[in-house]
Protein backbone atom coordinates (compact mmCIF):
# COMPACT_ATOMS: atom_id res chain seq x y z
CA MET A 1 80.60 109.50 162.44
CA THR A 2 77.76 108.17 160.32
CA ASP A 3 77.22 104.66 159.09
CA SER A 4 78.07 103.73 155.54
CA PRO A 5 75.08 103.99 153.16
CA LEU A 6 75.75 100.32 152.38
CA ALA A 7 74.80 99.42 155.93
CA HIS A 8 71.24 100.56 155.18
CA ALA A 9 70.96 99.19 151.64
CA PRO A 10 68.64 96.21 151.15
CA ASN A 11 70.32 92.82 151.18
CA ALA A 12 70.34 91.55 147.57
CA ALA A 13 69.87 87.98 148.77
CA THR A 14 66.72 88.72 150.78
CA ASP A 15 65.34 91.85 149.05
CA PRO A 16 66.67 92.33 145.53
CA GLY A 17 64.70 95.54 144.90
CA PRO A 18 65.09 97.40 141.65
CA VAL A 19 68.68 97.52 140.41
CA PHE A 20 68.02 100.47 138.13
CA PRO A 21 65.80 103.32 139.29
CA GLY A 22 62.70 103.74 137.19
CA ALA A 23 60.40 105.97 139.21
CA ARG A 24 61.25 109.10 137.25
CA PHE A 25 62.28 110.00 133.74
CA SER A 26 66.03 110.71 133.74
CA PHE A 27 68.71 111.65 131.23
CA GLN A 28 69.51 107.97 130.75
CA GLU A 29 65.95 107.25 129.63
CA PHE A 30 65.93 110.43 127.54
CA ILE A 31 68.85 109.26 125.39
CA GLY A 32 67.44 105.72 125.22
CA LEU A 33 69.74 103.60 127.40
CA GLU A 34 68.61 100.02 127.91
CA ARG A 35 69.94 98.67 131.23
CA TRP A 36 69.98 95.25 132.83
CA ALA A 37 71.98 93.19 135.30
CA GLN A 38 73.53 89.81 134.64
CA GLY A 39 75.23 88.37 137.70
CA GLU A 40 77.55 91.05 139.06
CA VAL A 41 77.86 92.84 135.70
CA ALA A 42 75.77 95.79 134.54
CA HIS A 43 74.89 95.84 130.84
CA ILE A 44 73.98 98.92 128.85
CA ARG A 45 72.81 99.07 125.25
CA LEU A 46 72.27 102.20 123.16
CA GLN A 47 70.83 102.14 119.67
CA HIS A 48 71.91 104.53 116.93
CA ARG A 49 70.00 107.82 117.00
CA GLU A 50 70.95 110.64 114.66
CA GLU A 51 70.81 113.29 117.41
CA LEU A 52 73.48 111.41 119.43
CA MET A 53 76.07 111.56 116.64
CA ASN A 54 78.88 114.03 116.08
CA TYR A 55 79.51 115.84 112.80
CA LEU A 56 81.39 112.78 111.44
CA GLY A 57 78.37 110.54 112.00
CA HIS A 58 79.86 108.69 114.99
CA PHE A 59 78.51 108.62 118.53
CA HIS A 60 79.52 111.84 120.29
CA GLY A 61 82.27 111.42 122.92
CA GLY A 62 79.99 112.81 125.62
CA VAL A 63 77.44 110.12 124.81
CA LEU A 64 80.14 107.45 125.12
CA MET A 65 81.13 108.88 128.51
CA THR A 66 77.49 108.82 129.63
CA VAL A 67 77.20 105.15 128.67
CA LEU A 68 80.42 104.29 130.54
CA ASP A 69 79.30 106.23 133.64
CA ALA A 70 75.89 104.50 133.58
CA ALA A 71 77.52 101.07 133.28
CA MET A 72 79.74 101.69 136.32
CA ALA A 73 76.86 103.13 138.37
CA GLY A 74 74.74 100.13 137.39
CA ALA A 75 77.44 97.78 138.66
CA ILE A 76 77.40 99.57 142.00
CA ARG A 77 73.61 99.20 142.21
CA ILE A 78 73.98 95.45 141.67
CA HIS A 79 76.35 95.24 144.66
CA ALA A 80 74.38 97.69 146.81
CA PRO A 81 70.69 97.77 145.77
CA GLY A 82 68.94 100.98 146.75
CA CYS A 83 72.19 102.89 147.12
CA THR A 84 72.73 106.19 145.32
CA MET A 85 76.10 107.57 144.36
CA VAL A 86 77.88 110.43 142.64
CA THR A 87 80.83 110.19 140.28
CA ILE A 88 83.95 111.59 141.93
CA ASP A 89 86.47 110.82 139.20
CA MET A 90 86.31 109.19 135.78
CA ALA A 91 89.14 108.48 133.34
CA THR A 92 88.06 107.67 129.78
CA HIS A 93 90.03 106.22 126.90
CA PHE A 94 88.59 106.49 123.39
CA LEU A 95 89.91 103.65 121.24
CA GLY A 96 87.66 103.86 118.20
CA ALA A 97 84.42 105.22 116.82
CA ALA A 98 80.98 103.71 116.47
CA ARG A 99 77.97 104.49 114.30
CA SER A 100 75.81 101.53 115.22
CA GLN A 101 74.55 100.02 118.46
CA LEU A 102 76.74 100.40 121.56
CA ASN A 103 77.10 97.56 124.09
CA ALA A 104 78.67 98.34 127.45
CA VAL A 105 79.49 96.42 130.60
CA GLY A 106 80.35 97.79 134.02
CA ARG A 107 82.06 96.04 136.92
CA VAL A 108 82.96 96.86 140.52
CA LEU A 109 86.65 96.45 141.31
CA ARG A 110 86.67 97.40 145.00
CA GLN A 111 84.34 98.87 147.58
CA THR A 112 85.21 100.74 150.74
CA ARG A 113 82.89 102.18 153.33
CA ASN A 114 82.32 105.41 151.38
CA LEU A 115 83.80 104.83 147.91
CA CYS A 116 83.50 102.37 145.06
CA PHE A 117 86.02 101.81 142.25
CA CYS A 118 84.70 100.53 138.92
CA THR A 119 85.56 99.87 135.28
CA ALA A 120 83.48 99.84 132.12
CA GLU A 121 83.97 99.20 128.44
CA ILE A 122 81.96 99.81 125.28
CA ARG A 123 81.98 97.59 122.21
CA ASN A 124 80.24 98.10 118.88
CA GLU A 125 77.91 95.55 117.26
CA ASP A 126 80.93 93.72 115.81
CA GLY A 127 82.52 93.37 119.27
CA GLU A 128 85.27 95.92 118.58
CA LEU A 129 86.42 97.79 121.70
CA ILE A 130 85.42 101.46 121.35
CA ALA A 131 86.06 103.02 124.78
CA THR A 132 87.04 102.14 128.33
CA ALA A 133 86.76 103.96 131.64
CA SER A 134 87.64 103.64 135.28
CA GLY A 135 85.87 105.61 137.95
CA CYS A 136 85.55 106.38 141.61
CA PHE A 137 82.08 106.90 143.07
CA LYS A 138 81.02 108.21 146.49
CA TYR A 139 78.01 106.70 148.18
CA ARG A 140 75.34 109.31 148.85
CA PRO A 141 72.71 109.03 151.57
CA ALA A 142 69.19 109.30 150.13
CA GLN A 143 68.26 112.21 152.40
CA ALA A 144 71.02 114.37 150.88
CA ALA A 145 69.00 114.68 147.66
CA ASN A 146 66.35 116.81 149.38
CA ARG A 147 68.90 119.33 150.63
CA PHE A 148 69.58 120.65 147.11
CA THR A 149 66.05 120.82 145.70
CA ASP A 150 65.40 124.31 147.08
CA MET A 151 67.30 126.74 144.85
CA SER A 152 67.44 129.34 147.64
CA THR A 153 69.67 127.04 149.71
CA THR A 154 73.21 128.33 149.96
CA ILE A 155 75.80 125.73 149.19
């Protein structure tokens, strides 16, 4: 049995490290997410961009789900700096629509040795609740990323 990835994560008190990865350009940067930590809460902001809207002129539902997922993953990184994870399950509730800036927060509810349970919510510029989500994430050892880079590898 292997140790939990959390056992090898830097201690936030002695080595805060980067909460949000920034070494490579990712989908989150591509769509323009702004990310920061405040205490144990991850904050995400996304400005209006025409290419992120649906045909009604509101943020596309997939964009909202991306923001919620990023907020929950950010909350995990606050609790376990240096840890990577994958989304196992995510339940989303759309409560409204937004055309302007999105503001999201993500929080950790409970951590186990291999899983983390989180929530997130998005509000518009006026503070109106637009969407909520809950999710389950599995910690992923860093070395697992290299296993899938070779396309000839059989999974």
